[in-house]
Amino acid sequence: MQDYAEDMGYNNWLKMMATFRRAKDMLCSPDGYKILASWFILEVIGQWLEARESINSELKEAI
């Protein structure tokens, strides 16, 4: 998560998470923090899978 925070211009991933829409109500508890972090990680994984699928499709078309 630190790499993503730095890519977004934050020197700390908690500062990055504090900018999320639901941060005010979710970062108030340990469970809320875990859920918000999980949402972020799942979003990153989803983007990675989508990019991977796009690359695979382009490779199949090229062959």
PDB file of N, CA and C in Angstrom:
ATOM      1  N   MET A   1       0.813  -1.189   0.000  1.00  0.00           N
ATOM      2  CA  MET A   1       0.000   0.000   0.000  1.00  0.00           C
ATOM      3  C   MET A   1       0.863   1.261   0.000  1.00  0.00           C
ATOM      4  N   GLN A   2       2.029   1.168   0.572  1.00  0.00           N
ATOM      5  CA  GLN A   2       2.916   2.336   0.606  1.00  0.00           C
ATOM      6  C   GLN A   2       3.281   2.781  -0.805  1.00  0.00           C
ATOM      7  N   ASP A   3       3.532   1.826  -1.704  1.00  0.00           N
ATOM      8  CA  ASP A   3       3.867   2.179  -3.087  1.00  0.00           C
ATOM      9  C   ASP A   3       2.731   2.949  -3.745  1.00  0.00           C
ATOM     10  N   TYR A   4       1.499   2.516  -3.536  1.00  0.00           N
ATOM     11  CA  TYR A   4       0.346   3.203  -4.107  1.00  0.00           C
ATOM     12  C   TYR A   4       0.197   4.593  -3.510  1.00  0.00           C
ATOM     13  N   ALA A   5       0.422   4.708  -2.216  1.00  0.00           N
ATOM     14  CA  ALA A   5       0.348   6.017  -1.568  1.00  0.00           C
ATOM     15  C   ALA A   5       1.371   6.975  -2.168  1.00  0.00           C
ATOM     16  N   GLU A   6       2.592   6.497  -2.340  1.00  0.00           N
ATOM     17  CA  GLU A   6       3.637   7.341  -2.915  1.00  0.00           C
ATOM     18  C   GLU A   6       3.312   7.711  -4.361  1.00  0.00           C
ATOM     19  N   ASP A   7       2.753   6.766  -5.121  1.00  0.00           N
ATOM     20  CA  ASP A   7       2.354   7.059  -6.500  1.00  0.00           C
ATOM     21  C   ASP A   7       1.272   8.134  -6.554  1.00  0.00           C
ATOM     22  N   MET A   8       0.467   8.220  -5.494  1.00  0.00           N
ATOM     23  CA  MET A   8      -0.614   9.204  -5.427  1.00  0.00           C
ATOM     24  C   MET A   8      -0.168  10.500  -4.741  1.00  0.00           C
ATOM     25  N   GLY A   9       1.114  10.580  -4.381  1.00  0.00           N
ATOM     26  CA  GLY A   9       1.651  11.794  -3.814  1.00  0.00           C
ATOM     27  C   GLY A   9       1.642  11.878  -2.297  1.00  0.00           C
ATOM     28  N   TYR A  10       1.390  10.753  -1.627  1.00  0.00           N
ATOM     29  CA  TYR A  10       1.376  10.727  -0.159  1.00  0.00           C
ATOM     30  C   TYR A  10       2.631  10.017   0.339  1.00  0.00           C
ATOM     31  N   ASN A  11       3.171  10.504   1.440  1.00  0.00           N
ATOM     32  CA  ASN A  11       4.352   9.849   1.993  1.00  0.00           C
ATOM     33  C   ASN A  11       3.980   8.785   3.023  1.00  0.00           C
ATOM     34  N   ASN A  12       2.690   8.609   3.245  1.00  0.00           N
ATOM     35  CA  ASN A  12       2.201   7.679   4.250  1.00  0.00           C
ATOM     36  C   ASN A  12       0.879   7.102   3.762  1.00  0.00           C
ATOM     37  N   TRP A  13       0.731   5.801   3.803  1.00  0.00           N
ATOM     38  CA  TRP A  13      -0.489   5.183   3.275  1.00  0.00           C
ATOM     39  C   TRP A  13      -1.713   5.470   4.149  1.00  0.00           C
ATOM     40  N   LEU A  14      -1.519   5.768   5.420  1.00  0.00           N
ATOM     41  CA  LEU A  14      -2.663   6.155   6.250  1.00  0.00           C
ATOM     42  C   LEU A  14      -3.209   7.519   5.834  1.00  0.00           C
ATOM     43  N   LYS A  15      -2.318   8.421   5.422  1.00  0.00           N
ATOM     44  CA  LYS A  15      -2.773   9.712   4.915  1.00  0.00           C
ATOM     45  C   LYS A  15      -3.570   9.526   3.639  1.00  0.00           C
ATOM     46  N   MET A  16      -3.128   8.594   2.794  1.00  0.00           N
ATOM     47  CA  MET A  16      -3.866   8.299   1.576  1.00  0.00           C
ATOM     48  C   MET A  16      -5.251   7.777   1.928  1.00  0.00           C
ATOM     49  N   MET A  17      -5.312   6.829   2.864  1.00  0.00           N
ATOM     50  CA  MET A  17      -6.608   6.260   3.247  1.00  0.00           C
ATOM     51  C   MET A  17      -7.535   7.307   3.853  1.00  0.00           C
ATOM     52  N   ALA A  18      -6.974   8.308   4.503  1.00  0.00           N
ATOM     53  CA  ALA A  18      -7.787   9.357   5.115  1.00  0.00           C
ATOM     54  C   ALA A  18      -8.531  10.186   4.069  1.00  0.00           C
ATOM     55  N   THR A  19      -8.099  10.112   2.804  1.00  0.00           N
ATOM     56  CA  THR A  19      -8.767  10.856   1.742  1.00  0.00           C
ATOM     57  C   THR A  19      -9.929  10.080   1.128  1.00  0.00           C
ATOM     58  N   PHE A  20     -10.068   8.815   1.470  1.00  0.00           N
ATOM     59  CA  PHE A  20     -11.148   8.002   0.908  1.00  0.00           C
ATOM     60  C   PHE A  20     -12.495   8.535   1.389  1.00  0.00           C
ATOM     61  N   ARG A  21     -13.500   8.381   0.549  1.00  0.00           N
ATOM     62  CA  ARG A  21     -14.832   8.910   0.827  1.00  0.00           C
ATOM     63  C   ARG A  21     -15.385   8.446   2.170  1.00  0.00           C
ATOM     64  N   ARG A  22     -15.198   7.211   2.528  1.00  0.00           N
ATOM     65  CA  ARG A  22     -15.755   6.672   3.773  1.00  0.00           C
ATOM     66  C   ARG A  22     -14.788   6.749   4.954  1.00  0.00           C
ATOM     67  N   ALA A  23     -13.684   7.423   4.802  1.00  0.00           N
ATOM     68  CA  ALA A  23     -12.646   7.434   5.836  1.00  0.00           C
ATOM     69  C   ALA A  23     -13.133   7.997   7.164  1.00  0.00           C
ATOM     70  N   LYS A  24     -13.930   9.056   7.137  1.00  0.00           N
ATOM     71  CA  LYS A  24     -14.340   9.702   8.381  1.00  0.00           C
ATOM     72  C   LYS A  24     -15.074   8.755   9.317  1.00  0.00           C
ATOM     73  N   ASP A  25     -15.948   7.942   8.780  1.00  0.00           N
ATOM     74  CA  ASP A  25     -16.692   7.041   9.654  1.00  0.00           C
ATOM     75  C   ASP A  25     -16.044   5.672   9.815  1.00  0.00           C
ATOM     76  N   MET A  26     -15.167   5.288   8.893  1.00  0.00           N
ATOM     77  CA  MET A  26     -14.616   3.938   8.952  1.00  0.00           C
ATOM     78  C   MET A  26     -13.268   3.851   9.663  1.00  0.00           C
ATOM     79  N   LEU A  27     -12.505   4.943   9.678  1.00  0.00           N
ATOM     80  CA  LEU A  27     -11.198   4.883  10.322  1.00  0.00           C
ATOM     81  C   LEU A  27     -11.278   5.127  11.831  1.00  0.00           C
ATOM     82  N   CYS A  28     -12.480   5.165  12.348  1.00  0.00           N
ATOM     83  CA  CYS A  28     -12.673   5.400  13.787  1.00  0.00           C
ATOM     84  C   CYS A  28     -12.567   4.130  14.612  1.00  0.00           C
ATOM     85  N   SER A  29     -12.534   2.990  13.957  1.00  0.00           N
ATOM     86  CA  SER A  29     -12.463   1.727  14.694  1.00  0.00           C
ATOM     87  C   SER A  29     -11.519   0.766  13.974  1.00  0.00           C
ATOM     88  N   PRO A  30     -10.963  -0.190  14.706  1.00  0.00           N
ATOM     89  CA  PRO A  30     -10.089  -1.180  14.059  1.00  0.00           C
ATOM     90  C   PRO A  30     -10.807  -1.971  12.965  1.00  0.00           C
ATOM     91  N   ASP A  31     -12.055  -2.345  13.217  1.00  0.00           N
ATOM     92  CA  ASP A  31     -12.793  -3.091  12.194  1.00  0.00           C
ATOM     93  C   ASP A  31     -13.040  -2.237  10.957  1.00  0.00           C
ATOM     94  N   GLY A  32     -13.391  -0.976  11.166  1.00  0.00           N
ATOM     95  CA  GLY A  32     -13.603  -0.075  10.033  1.00  0.00           C
ATOM     96  C   GLY A  32     -12.341   0.100   9.214  1.00  0.00           C
ATOM     97  N   TYR A  33     -11.215   0.230   9.894  1.00  0.00           N
ATOM     98  CA  TYR A  33      -9.929   0.351   9.206  1.00  0.00           C
ATOM     99  C   TYR A  33      -9.668  -0.894   8.362  1.00  0.00           C
ATOM    100  N   LYS A  34      -9.889  -2.057   8.935  1.00  0.00           N
ATOM    101  CA  LYS A  34      -9.638  -3.310   8.202  1.00  0.00           C
ATOM    102  C   LYS A  34     -10.525  -3.411   6.970  1.00  0.00           C
ATOM    103  N   ILE A  35     -11.773  -3.002   7.111  1.00  0.00           N
ATOM    104  CA  ILE A  35     -12.706  -3.059   5.982  1.00  0.00           C
ATOM    105  C   ILE A  35     -12.276  -2.087   4.896  1.00  0.00           C
ATOM    106  N   LEU A  36     -11.933  -0.865   5.279  1.00  0.00           N
ATOM    107  CA  LEU A  36     -11.513   0.132   4.293  1.00  0.00           C
ATOM    108  C   LEU A  36     -10.231  -0.299   3.582  1.00  0.00           C
ATOM    109  N   ALA A  37      -9.288  -0.844   4.332  1.00  0.00           N
ATOM    110  CA  ALA A  37      -8.046  -1.349   3.733  1.00  0.00           C
ATOM    111  C   ALA A  37      -8.351  -2.509   2.782  1.00  0.00           C
ATOM    112  N   SER A  38      -9.259  -3.384   3.183  1.00  0.00           N
ATOM    113  CA  SER A  38      -9.645  -4.518   2.328  1.00  0.00           C
ATOM    114  C   SER A  38     -10.288  -4.036   1.043  1.00  0.00           C
ATOM    115  N   TRP A  39     -11.164  -3.053   1.123  1.00  0.00           N
ATOM    116  CA  TRP A  39     -11.792  -2.500  -0.082  1.00  0.00           C
ATOM    117  C   TRP A  39     -10.726  -1.977  -1.036  1.00  0.00           C
ATOM    118  N   PHE A  40      -9.761  -1.249  -0.486  1.00  0.00           N
ATOM    119  CA  PHE A  40      -8.702  -0.693  -1.325  1.00  0.00           C
ATOM    120  C   PHE A  40      -7.902  -1.807  -1.996  1.00  0.00           C
ATOM    121  N   ILE A  41      -7.509  -2.796  -1.231  1.00  0.00           N
ATOM    122  CA  ILE A  41      -6.713  -3.896  -1.764  1.00  0.00           C
ATOM    123  C   ILE A  41      -7.492  -4.655  -2.834  1.00  0.00           C
ATOM    124  N   LEU A  42      -8.781  -4.893  -2.590  1.00  0.00           N
ATOM    125  CA  LEU A  42      -9.602  -5.579  -3.589  1.00  0.00           C
ATOM    126  C   LEU A  42      -9.746  -4.753  -4.858  1.00  0.00           C
ATOM    127  N   GLU A  43      -9.834  -3.445  -4.735  1.00  0.00           N
ATOM    128  CA  GLU A  43      -9.889  -2.571  -5.902  1.00  0.00           C
ATOM    129  C   GLU A  43      -8.596  -2.674  -6.708  1.00  0.00           C
ATOM    130  N   VAL A  44      -7.471  -2.670  -6.027  1.00  0.00           N
ATOM    131  CA  VAL A  44      -6.179  -2.800  -6.704  1.00  0.00           C
ATOM    132  C   VAL A  44      -6.085  -4.149  -7.418  1.00  0.00           C
ATOM    133  N   ILE A  45      -6.512  -5.207  -6.761  1.00  0.00           N
ATOM    134  CA  ILE A  45      -6.493  -6.537  -7.373  1.00  0.00           C
ATOM    135  C   ILE A  45      -7.404  -6.571  -8.594  1.00  0.00           C
ATOM    136  N   GLY A  46      -8.585  -5.976  -8.477  1.00  0.00           N
ATOM    137  CA  GLY A  46      -9.518  -5.930  -9.609  1.00  0.00           C
ATOM    138  C   GLY A  46      -8.931  -5.199 -10.800  1.00  0.00           C
ATOM    139  N   GLN A  47      -8.256  -4.079 -10.541  1.00  0.00           N
ATOM    140  CA  GLN A  47      -7.611  -3.337 -11.626  1.00  0.00           C
ATOM    141  C   GLN A  47      -6.499  -4.161 -12.263  1.00  0.00           C
ATOM    142  N   TRP A  48      -5.745  -4.875 -11.440  1.00  0.00           N
ATOM    143  CA  TRP A  48      -4.667  -5.715 -11.960  1.00  0.00           C
ATOM    144  C   TRP A  48      -5.240  -6.819 -12.844  1.00  0.00           C
ATOM    145  N   LEU A  49      -6.300  -7.469 -12.386  1.00  0.00           N
ATOM    146  CA  LEU A  49      -6.915  -8.541 -13.165  1.00  0.00           C
ATOM    147  C   LEU A  49      -7.485  -8.018 -14.480  1.00  0.00           C
ATOM    148  N   GLU A  50      -8.101  -6.844 -14.426  1.00  0.00           N
ATOM    149  CA  GLU A  50      -8.651  -6.254 -15.641  1.00  0.00           C
ATOM    150  C   GLU A  50      -7.545  -5.933 -16.646  1.00  0.00           C
ATOM    151  N   ALA A  51      -6.452  -5.376 -16.162  1.00  0.00           N
ATOM    152  CA  ALA A  51      -5.322  -5.067 -17.047  1.00  0.00           C
ATOM    153  C   ALA A  51      -4.729  -6.344 -17.622  1.00  0.00           C
ATOM    154  N   ARG A  52      -4.630  -7.349 -16.799  1.00  0.00           N
ATOM    155  CA  ARG A  52      -4.075  -8.637 -17.246  1.00  0.00           C
ATOM    156  C   ARG A  52      -4.962  -9.248 -18.335  1.00  0.00           C
ATOM    157  N   GLU A  53      -6.269  -9.182 -18.136  1.00  0.00           N
ATOM    158  CA  GLU A  53      -7.202  -9.725 -19.125  1.00  0.00           C
ATOM    159  C   GLU A  53      -7.080  -8.958 -20.439  1.00  0.00           C
ATOM    160  N   SER A  54      -6.931  -7.657 -20.348  1.00  0.00           N
ATOM    161  CA  SER A  54      -6.776  -6.831 -21.542  1.00  0.00           C
ATOM    162  C   SER A  54      -5.507  -7.205 -22.295  1.00  0.00           C
ATOM    163  N   ILE A  55      -4.423  -7.402 -21.581  1.00  0.00           N
ATOM    164  CA  ILE A  55      -3.155  -7.787 -22.202  1.00  0.00           C
ATOM    165  C   ILE A  55      -3.291  -9.159 -22.860  1.00  0.00           C
ATOM    166  N   ASN A  56      -3.923 -10.094 -22.165  1.00  0.00           N
ATOM    167  CA  ASN A  56      -4.120 -11.437 -22.727  1.00  0.00           C
ATOM    168  C   ASN A  56      -4.946 -11.375 -24.007  1.00  0.00           C
ATOM    169  N   SER A  57      -5.997 -10.553 -24.016  1.00  0.00           N
ATOM    170  CA  SER A  57      -6.831 -10.416 -25.206  1.00  0.00           C
ATOM    171  C   SER A  57      -6.032  -9.848 -26.376  1.00  0.00           C
ATOM    172  N   GLU A  58      -5.210  -8.845 -26.096  1.00  0.00           N
ATOM    173  CA  GLU A  58      -4.383  -8.251 -27.147  1.00  0.00           C
ATOM    174  C   GLU A  58      -3.379  -9.273 -27.693  1.00  0.00           C
ATOM    175  N   LEU A  59      -2.808 -10.091 -26.827  1.00  0.00           N
ATOM    176  CA  LEU A  59      -1.856 -11.109 -27.281  1.00  0.00           C
ATOM    177  C   LEU A  59      -2.541 -12.151 -28.144  1.00  0.00           C
ATOM    178  N   LYS A  60      -3.747 -12.564 -27.753  1.00  0.00           N
ATOM    179  CA  LYS A  60      -4.472 -13.556 -28.551  1.00  0.00           C
ATOM    180  C   LYS A  60      -4.813 -12.999 -29.930  1.00  0.00           C
ATOM    181  N   GLU A  61      -5.175 -11.719 -30.000  1.00  0.00           N
ATOM    182  CA  GLU A  61      -5.489 -11.106 -31.288  1.00  0.00           C
ATOM    183  C   GLU A  61      -4.252 -10.996 -32.156  1.00  0.00           C
ATOM    184  N   ALA A  62      -3.099 -10.781 -31.547  1.00  0.00           N
ATOM    185  CA  ALA A  62      -1.862 -10.632 -32.308  1.00  0.00           C
ATOM    186  C   ALA A  62      -1.388 -11.958 -32.894  1.00  0.00           C
ATOM    187  N   ILE A  63      -1.790 -13.043 -32.254  1.00  0.00           N
ATOM    188  CA  ILE A  63      -1.359 -14.365 -32.728  1.00  0.00           C
ATOM    189  C   ILE A  63      -2.274 -14.804 -33.804  1.00  0.00           C
TER     190      ILE A  63
END
